[in-house]
């Protein structure tokens, strides 16, 4: 009950804050909305296309956090925008997956509250920049703070699994050492891409070959 009452209460408080903000600042919300819509002229996608694409971006962030392979990280990602729920097909499945996470978070609230909190932490911290706002499609730094939710959930689930078996404590320590060694090796490899400005953009071009900004930045270095 506290959880179910808390969600509508949060929405109500958000609405009250929005009304108070516009009243105090004296700004015109319709003019602000028009300004936001005008900003989309700088992009090749609209608000709805960006919104649908962000469902896929959320899972891209999850993949980078759970499986941080060095060859997947870059300053730029040339993600093609979603033009419909089935183009690409992963748009609809990504949306269903996010809804599934929300349903699971509500269902486990009573028994495993830390897990529920971590799910809402991840999705809540991505909610603003993964909405209809006119921003670039993907930036890895947007997942820095939300990543605590994913990492915490993985650790918590591993803790529950190890605790449920007699041999769990004997497996836990070696498993942590193996994961730490793998992450250390991956970090060392990723750091090598930041040896110079050239290596940074060469890595971006390799990961995102359709990024015009990446090719321009690499060409700028060659020219100057």
C-alpha atoms as a PDB file:
ATOM      1  CA  UNK A   1       0.000   0.000   0.000  1.00  0.00           C
ATOM      2  CA  UNK A   2       2.705   2.564   0.822  1.00  0.00           C
ATOM      3  CA  UNK A   3       4.223   1.915  -2.598  1.00  0.00           C
ATOM      4  CA  UNK A   4       0.921   2.165  -4.476  1.00  0.00           C
ATOM      5  CA  UNK A   5       0.021   5.355  -2.656  1.00  0.00           C
ATOM      6  CA  UNK A   6       3.516   6.741  -3.124  1.00  0.00           C
ATOM      7  CA  UNK A   7       3.474   6.598  -6.928  1.00  0.00           C
ATOM      8  CA  UNK A   8       0.330   8.768  -7.394  1.00  0.00           C
ATOM      9  CA  UNK A   9       1.608  11.060  -4.660  1.00  0.00           C
ATOM     10  CA  UNK A  10       4.861  11.563  -6.529  1.00  0.00           C
ATOM     11  CA  UNK A  11       2.975  12.416  -9.728  1.00  0.00           C
ATOM     12  CA  UNK A  12       0.765  14.862  -7.812  1.00  0.00           C
ATOM     13  CA  UNK A  13       3.742  16.585  -6.188  1.00  0.00           C
ATOM     14  CA  UNK A  14       5.456  16.833  -9.574  1.00  0.00           C
ATOM     15  CA  UNK A  15       2.377  18.523 -11.026  1.00  0.00           C
ATOM     16  CA  UNK A  16       2.203  20.961  -8.118  1.00  0.00           C
ATOM     17  CA  UNK A  17       5.877  21.808  -8.537  1.00  0.00           C
ATOM     18  CA  UNK A  18       5.418  22.406 -12.280  1.00  0.00           C
ATOM     19  CA  UNK A  19       2.493  24.764 -11.654  1.00  0.00           C
ATOM     20  CA  UNK A  20       4.465  26.603  -8.964  1.00  0.00           C
ATOM     21  CA  UNK A  21       7.492  26.912 -11.267  1.00  0.00           C
ATOM     22  CA  UNK A  22       5.549  28.494 -14.139  1.00  0.00           C
ATOM     23  CA  UNK A  23       3.655  30.777 -11.765  1.00  0.00           C
ATOM     24  CA  UNK A  24       6.777  32.075  -9.995  1.00  0.00           C
ATOM     25  CA  UNK A  25       9.002  32.493 -13.055  1.00  0.00           C
ATOM     26  CA  UNK A  26       6.276  34.067 -15.157  1.00  0.00           C
ATOM     27  CA  UNK A  27       7.417  32.090 -18.192  1.00  0.00           C
ATOM     28  CA  UNK A  28       4.997  31.030 -20.885  1.00  0.00           C
ATOM     29  CA  UNK A  29       4.841  27.199 -21.056  1.00  0.00           C
ATOM     30  CA  UNK A  30       3.433  27.317 -24.600  1.00  0.00           C
ATOM     31  CA  UNK A  31       6.366  29.421 -25.793  1.00  0.00           C
ATOM     32  CA  UNK A  32       8.755  27.001 -24.085  1.00  0.00           C
ATOM     33  CA  UNK A  33       7.067  24.061 -25.823  1.00  0.00           C
ATOM     34  CA  UNK A  34       7.382  25.845 -29.171  1.00  0.00           C
ATOM     35  CA  UNK A  35      11.082  26.410 -28.494  1.00  0.00           C
ATOM     36  CA  UNK A  36      11.577  22.718 -27.766  1.00  0.00           C
ATOM     37  CA  UNK A  37       9.749  21.775 -30.962  1.00  0.00           C
ATOM     38  CA  UNK A  38      11.897  24.194 -32.956  1.00  0.00           C
ATOM     39  CA  UNK A  39      15.077  22.609 -31.667  1.00  0.00           C
ATOM     40  CA  UNK A  40      14.132  19.378 -33.435  1.00  0.00           C
ATOM     41  CA  UNK A  41      14.901  21.103 -36.717  1.00  0.00           C
ATOM     42  CA  UNK A  42      18.553  20.395 -35.917  1.00  0.00           C
ATOM     43  CA  UNK A  43      17.963  16.629 -35.925  1.00  0.00           C
ATOM     44  CA  UNK A  44      16.875  14.055 -38.471  1.00  0.00           C
ATOM     45  CA  UNK A  45      14.203  12.676 -36.134  1.00  0.00           C
ATOM     46  CA  UNK A  46      11.131  13.993 -34.359  1.00  0.00           C
ATOM     47  CA  UNK A  47       9.916  13.759 -30.735  1.00  0.00           C
ATOM     48  CA  UNK A  48       8.025  10.482 -31.221  1.00  0.00           C
ATOM     49  CA  UNK A  49      10.907   8.889 -33.110  1.00  0.00           C
ATOM     50  CA  UNK A  50      13.307   9.887 -30.361  1.00  0.00           C
ATOM     51  CA  UNK A  51      10.977   8.539 -27.692  1.00  0.00           C
ATOM     52  CA  UNK A  52      10.716   5.161 -29.405  1.00  0.00           C
ATOM     53  CA  UNK A  53      14.466   5.057 -30.020  1.00  0.00           C
ATOM     54  CA  UNK A  54      15.171   5.640 -26.348  1.00  0.00           C
ATOM     55  CA  UNK A  55      13.522   2.342 -25.482  1.00  0.00           C
ATOM     56  CA  UNK A  56      16.328   0.677 -27.413  1.00  0.00           C
ATOM     57  CA  UNK A  57      18.923   3.034 -25.947  1.00  0.00           C
ATOM     58  CA  UNK A  58      17.950   1.970 -22.423  1.00  0.00           C
ATOM     59  CA  UNK A  59      18.855  -1.623 -23.266  1.00  0.00           C
ATOM     60  CA  UNK A  60      22.040  -0.457 -24.957  1.00  0.00           C
ATOM     61  CA  UNK A  61      23.051   1.100 -21.646  1.00  0.00           C
ATOM     62  CA  UNK A  62      22.147  -2.107 -19.795  1.00  0.00           C
ATOM     63  CA  UNK A  63      24.291  -4.128 -22.180  1.00  0.00           C
ATOM     64  CA  UNK A  64      27.273  -1.814 -21.762  1.00  0.00           C
ATOM     65  CA  UNK A  65      26.967  -2.034 -17.976  1.00  0.00           C
ATOM     66  CA  UNK A  66      26.379  -5.780 -17.666  1.00  0.00           C
ATOM     67  CA  UNK A  67      28.753  -6.804 -20.473  1.00  0.00           C
ATOM     68  CA  UNK A  68      31.376  -4.011 -20.639  1.00  0.00           C
ATOM     69  CA  UNK A  69      33.410  -5.240 -23.596  1.00  0.00           C
ATOM     70  CA  UNK A  70      36.138  -2.712 -24.520  1.00  0.00           C
ATOM     71  CA  UNK A  71      35.220  -2.717 -28.204  1.00  0.00           C
ATOM     72  CA  UNK A  72      31.703  -1.438 -27.501  1.00  0.00           C
ATOM     73  CA  UNK A  73      32.521   1.873 -25.800  1.00  0.00           C
ATOM     74  CA  UNK A  74      32.857   5.141 -27.698  1.00  0.00           C
ATOM     75  CA  UNK A  75      32.123   8.860 -27.386  1.00  0.00           C
ATOM     76  CA  UNK A  76      29.625   8.569 -30.254  1.00  0.00           C
ATOM     77  CA  UNK A  77      27.053   5.926 -31.175  1.00  0.00           C
ATOM     78  CA  UNK A  78      25.399   6.004 -34.599  1.00  0.00           C
ATOM     79  CA  UNK A  79      22.094   4.485 -33.509  1.00  0.00           C
ATOM     80  CA  UNK A  80      19.504   4.638 -36.291  1.00  0.00           C
ATOM     81  CA  UNK A  81      16.247   6.181 -35.006  1.00  0.00           C
ATOM     82  CA  UNK A  82      13.100   4.090 -34.720  1.00  0.00           C
ATOM     83  CA  UNK A  83      10.485   5.188 -37.255  1.00  0.00           C
ATOM     84  CA  UNK A  84       7.734   2.854 -35.984  1.00  0.00           C
ATOM     85  CA  UNK A  85       7.121   0.190 -33.373  1.00  0.00           C
ATOM     86  CA  UNK A  86       8.335  -2.475 -35.810  1.00  0.00           C
ATOM     87  CA  UNK A  87      11.083  -0.572 -37.609  1.00  0.00           C
ATOM     88  CA  UNK A  88      13.402  -1.792 -36.336  1.00  0.00           C
ATOM     89  CA  UNK A  89      11.688  -4.777 -34.731  1.00  0.00           C
ATOM     90  CA  UNK A  90      13.639  -4.311 -31.488  1.00  0.00           C
ATOM     91  CA  UNK A  91      11.666  -1.114 -30.782  1.00  0.00           C
ATOM     92  CA  UNK A  92       8.528  -2.912 -29.631  1.00  0.00           C
ATOM     93  CA  UNK A  93      10.443  -5.645 -27.790  1.00  0.00           C
ATOM     94  CA  UNK A  94      12.500  -2.997 -25.978  1.00  0.00           C
ATOM     95  CA  UNK A  95       9.319  -1.227 -24.854  1.00  0.00           C
ATOM     96  CA  UNK A  96       7.808  -4.511 -23.637  1.00  0.00           C
ATOM     97  CA  UNK A  97      11.042  -5.256 -21.780  1.00  0.00           C
ATOM     98  CA  UNK A  98      10.916  -1.917 -19.946  1.00  0.00           C
ATOM     99  CA  UNK A  99       7.276  -2.503 -19.005  1.00  0.00           C
ATOM    100  CA  UNK A 100       8.300  -5.946 -17.763  1.00  0.00           C
ATOM    101  CA  UNK A 101      10.976  -4.417 -15.551  1.00  0.00           C
ATOM    102  CA  UNK A 102       8.429  -2.037 -14.053  1.00  0.00           C
ATOM    103  CA  UNK A 103       5.974  -4.869 -13.412  1.00  0.00           C
ATOM    104  CA  UNK A 104       8.680  -6.971 -11.745  1.00  0.00           C
ATOM    105  CA  UNK A 105       9.779  -4.012  -9.610  1.00  0.00           C
ATOM    106  CA  UNK A 106       6.212  -3.565  -8.327  1.00  0.00           C
ATOM    107  CA  UNK A 107       5.680  -7.291  -7.737  1.00  0.00           C
ATOM    108  CA  UNK A 108       8.877  -7.802  -5.702  1.00  0.00           C
ATOM    109  CA  UNK A 109       8.464  -4.614  -3.659  1.00  0.00           C
ATOM    110  CA  UNK A 110       7.299  -6.403  -0.517  1.00  0.00           C
ATOM    111  CA  UNK A 111       9.775  -9.307  -0.563  1.00  0.00           C
ATOM    112  CA  UNK A 112      12.893  -7.796  -2.144  1.00  0.00           C
ATOM    113  CA  UNK A 113      12.630  -4.052  -1.714  1.00  0.00           C
ATOM    114  CA  UNK A 114      16.302  -3.346  -2.499  1.00  0.00           C
ATOM    115  CA  UNK A 115      15.880  -4.958  -5.915  1.00  0.00           C
ATOM    116  CA  UNK A 116      12.716  -2.981  -6.606  1.00  0.00           C
ATOM    117  CA  UNK A 117      14.409   0.257  -5.550  1.00  0.00           C
ATOM    118  CA  UNK A 118      17.400  -0.420  -7.825  1.00  0.00           C
ATOM    119  CA  UNK A 119      15.161  -0.972 -10.854  1.00  0.00           C
ATOM    120  CA  UNK A 120      13.344   2.303 -10.234  1.00  0.00           C
ATOM    121  CA  UNK A 121      16.681   4.012  -9.607  1.00  0.00           C
ATOM    122  CA  UNK A 122      17.969   2.976 -13.023  1.00  0.00           C
ATOM    123  CA  UNK A 123      14.844   3.834 -14.993  1.00  0.00           C
ATOM    124  CA  UNK A 124      14.091   6.971 -12.994  1.00  0.00           C
ATOM    125  CA  UNK A 125      17.519   8.484 -13.540  1.00  0.00           C
ATOM    126  CA  UNK A 126      17.223   7.862 -17.279  1.00  0.00           C
ATOM    127  CA  UNK A 127      13.647   9.137 -17.550  1.00  0.00           C
ATOM    128  CA  UNK A 128      14.455  12.772 -18.359  1.00  0.00           C
ATOM    129  CA  UNK A 129      17.182  12.318 -20.976  1.00  0.00           C
ATOM    130  CA  UNK A 130      15.444   9.263 -22.442  1.00  0.00           C
ATOM    131  CA  UNK A 131      12.246  11.154 -23.185  1.00  0.00           C
ATOM    132  CA  UNK A 132      11.006  13.372 -26.032  1.00  0.00           C
ATOM    133  CA  UNK A 133      13.439  16.197 -25.263  1.00  0.00           C
ATOM    134  CA  UNK A 134      15.493  17.327 -28.293  1.00  0.00           C
ATOM    135  CA  UNK A 135      18.855  15.832 -27.362  1.00  0.00           C
ATOM    136  CA  UNK A 136      21.403  13.639 -29.101  1.00  0.00           C
ATOM    137  CA  UNK A 137      20.284  10.039 -29.203  1.00  0.00           C
ATOM    138  CA  UNK A 138      23.017   8.322 -27.174  1.00  0.00           C
ATOM    139  CA  UNK A 139      25.748   9.407 -24.799  1.00  0.00           C
ATOM    140  CA  UNK A 140      27.370   6.898 -22.466  1.00  0.00           C
ATOM    141  CA  UNK A 141      27.846   9.414 -19.667  1.00  0.00           C
ATOM    142  CA  UNK A 142      24.065   9.563 -19.234  1.00  0.00           C
ATOM    143  CA  UNK A 143      24.227   6.050 -17.775  1.00  0.00           C
ATOM    144  CA  UNK A 144      26.909   6.787 -15.173  1.00  0.00           C
ATOM    145  CA  UNK A 145      24.558   7.541 -12.276  1.00  0.00           C
ATOM    146  CA  UNK A 146      21.813   5.102 -13.388  1.00  0.00           C
ATOM    147  CA  UNK A 147      24.430   2.323 -13.626  1.00  0.00           C
ATOM    148  CA  UNK A 148      24.399   2.032  -9.825  1.00  0.00           C
ATOM    149  CA  UNK A 149      20.939   0.509 -10.204  1.00  0.00           C
ATOM    150  CA  UNK A 150      22.063  -2.161 -12.678  1.00  0.00           C
ATOM    151  CA  UNK A 151      25.265  -3.034 -10.841  1.00  0.00           C
ATOM    152  CA  UNK A 152      23.459  -3.067  -7.504  1.00  0.00           C
ATOM    153  CA  UNK A 153      20.728  -5.335  -8.890  1.00  0.00           C
ATOM    154  CA  UNK A 154      23.296  -7.784 -10.284  1.00  0.00           C
ATOM    155  CA  UNK A 155      25.156  -7.871  -6.975  1.00  0.00           C
ATOM    156  CA  UNK A 156      21.945  -8.270  -4.979  1.00  0.00           C
ATOM    157  CA  UNK A 157      20.679 -11.129  -7.155  1.00  0.00           C
ATOM    158  CA  UNK A 158      24.083 -12.838  -6.935  1.00  0.00           C
ATOM    159  CA  UNK A 159      23.950 -12.453  -3.147  1.00  0.00           C
ATOM    160  CA  UNK A 160      20.513 -14.073  -3.004  1.00  0.00           C
ATOM    161  CA  UNK A 161      21.666 -16.962  -5.202  1.00  0.00           C
ATOM    162  CA  UNK A 162      24.868 -17.592  -3.257  1.00  0.00           C
ATOM    163  CA  UNK A 163      23.023 -17.407   0.060  1.00  0.00           C
ATOM    164  CA  UNK A 164      20.507 -20.020  -1.061  1.00  0.00           C
ATOM    165  CA  UNK A 165      23.203 -22.690  -1.576  1.00  0.00           C
ATOM    166  CA  UNK A 166      25.488 -24.258   0.994  1.00  0.00           C
ATOM    167  CA  UNK A 167      28.504 -23.886  -1.246  1.00  0.00           C
ATOM    168  CA  UNK A 168      27.636 -20.308  -2.108  1.00  0.00           C
ATOM    169  CA  UNK A 169      30.215 -18.704   0.169  1.00  0.00           C
ATOM    170  CA  UNK A 170      32.948 -20.914  -1.309  1.00  0.00           C
ATOM    171  CA  UNK A 171      32.055 -19.828  -4.840  1.00  0.00           C
ATOM    172  CA  UNK A 172      31.479 -16.157  -4.080  1.00  0.00           C
ATOM    173  CA  UNK A 173      35.053 -15.124  -3.345  1.00  0.00           C
ATOM    174  CA  UNK A 174      36.656 -16.787  -6.413  1.00  0.00           C
ATOM    175  CA  UNK A 175      33.851 -15.415  -8.592  1.00  0.00           C
ATOM    176  CA  UNK A 176      34.505 -11.880  -7.346  1.00  0.00           C
ATOM    177  CA  UNK A 177      38.218 -12.273  -8.068  1.00  0.00           C
ATOM    178  CA  UNK A 178      37.536 -13.487 -11.625  1.00  0.00           C
ATOM    179  CA  UNK A 179      35.112 -10.640 -12.340  1.00  0.00           C
ATOM    180  CA  UNK A 180      37.506  -8.069 -10.861  1.00  0.00           C
ATOM    181  CA  UNK A 181      40.371  -9.393 -13.004  1.00  0.00           C
ATOM    182  CA  UNK A 182      38.249  -9.278 -16.161  1.00  0.00           C
ATOM    183  CA  UNK A 183      37.051  -5.733 -15.447  1.00  0.00           C
ATOM    184  CA  UNK A 184      40.607  -4.605 -14.700  1.00  0.00           C
ATOM    185  CA  UNK A 185      41.857  -6.004 -18.009  1.00  0.00           C
ATOM    186  CA  UNK A 186      38.984  -4.380 -19.864  1.00  0.00           C
ATOM    187  CA  UNK A 187      39.601  -1.034 -18.162  1.00  0.00           C
ATOM    188  CA  UNK A 188      43.246  -1.163 -19.164  1.00  0.00           C
ATOM    189  CA  UNK A 189      42.276  -1.805 -22.776  1.00  0.00           C
ATOM    190  CA  UNK A 190      39.688   1.001 -22.823  1.00  0.00           C
ATOM    191  CA  UNK A 191      42.172   3.443 -21.291  1.00  0.00           C
ATOM    192  CA  UNK A 192      44.531   2.770 -24.188  1.00  0.00           C
ATOM    193  CA  UNK A 193      42.017   4.366 -26.559  1.00  0.00           C
ATOM    194  CA  UNK A 194      42.424   7.639 -24.642  1.00  0.00           C
ATOM    195  CA  UNK A 195      46.175   7.804 -25.214  1.00  0.00           C
ATOM    196  CA  UNK A 196      45.671  10.722 -27.617  1.00  0.00           C
ATOM    197  CA  UNK A 197      42.940  12.671 -29.370  1.00  0.00           C
ATOM    198  CA  UNK A 198      43.589  10.661 -32.527  1.00  0.00           C
ATOM    199  CA  UNK A 199      43.131   7.278 -30.832  1.00  0.00           C
ATOM    200  CA  UNK A 200      39.899   8.518 -29.258  1.00  0.00           C
ATOM    201  CA  UNK A 201      38.303   9.404 -32.585  1.00  0.00           C
ATOM    202  CA  UNK A 202      39.771   6.383 -34.373  1.00  0.00           C
ATOM    203  CA  UNK A 203      37.958   4.241 -31.828  1.00  0.00           C
ATOM    204  CA  UNK A 204      34.729   6.207 -32.351  1.00  0.00           C
ATOM    205  CA  UNK A 205      34.938   5.748 -36.123  1.00  0.00           C
ATOM    206  CA  UNK A 206      35.486   2.011 -35.651  1.00  0.00           C
ATOM    207  CA  UNK A 207      32.526   1.621 -33.268  1.00  0.00           C
ATOM    208  CA  UNK A 208      30.227   4.086 -35.065  1.00  0.00           C
ATOM    209  CA  UNK A 209      31.253   4.212 -38.745  1.00  0.00           C
ATOM    210  CA  UNK A 210      28.111   6.164 -39.724  1.00  0.00           C
ATOM    211  CA  UNK A 211      28.753   9.028 -37.310  1.00  0.00           C
ATOM    212  CA  UNK A 212      29.456  12.178 -39.323  1.00  0.00           C
ATOM    213  CA  UNK A 213      30.686  14.016 -36.250  1.00  0.00           C
ATOM    214  CA  UNK A 214      33.238  11.272 -35.595  1.00  0.00           C
ATOM    215  CA  UNK A 215      34.630  11.419 -39.141  1.00  0.00           C
ATOM    216  CA  UNK A 216      34.699  15.224 -39.058  1.00  0.00           C
ATOM    217  CA  UNK A 217      36.616  15.230 -35.757  1.00  0.00           C
ATOM    218  CA  UNK A 218      39.143  12.693 -37.055  1.00  0.00           C
ATOM    219  CA  UNK A 219      39.576  14.677 -40.277  1.00  0.00           C
ATOM    220  CA  UNK A 220      40.027  17.884 -38.298  1.00  0.00           C
ATOM    221  CA  UNK A 221      42.958  16.284 -36.457  1.00  0.00           C
ATOM    222  CA  UNK A 222      44.533  15.160 -39.739  1.00  0.00           C
ATOM    223  CA  UNK A 223      44.105  18.588 -41.327  1.00  0.00           C
ATOM    224  CA  UNK A 224      45.486  20.599 -38.439  1.00  0.00           C
END
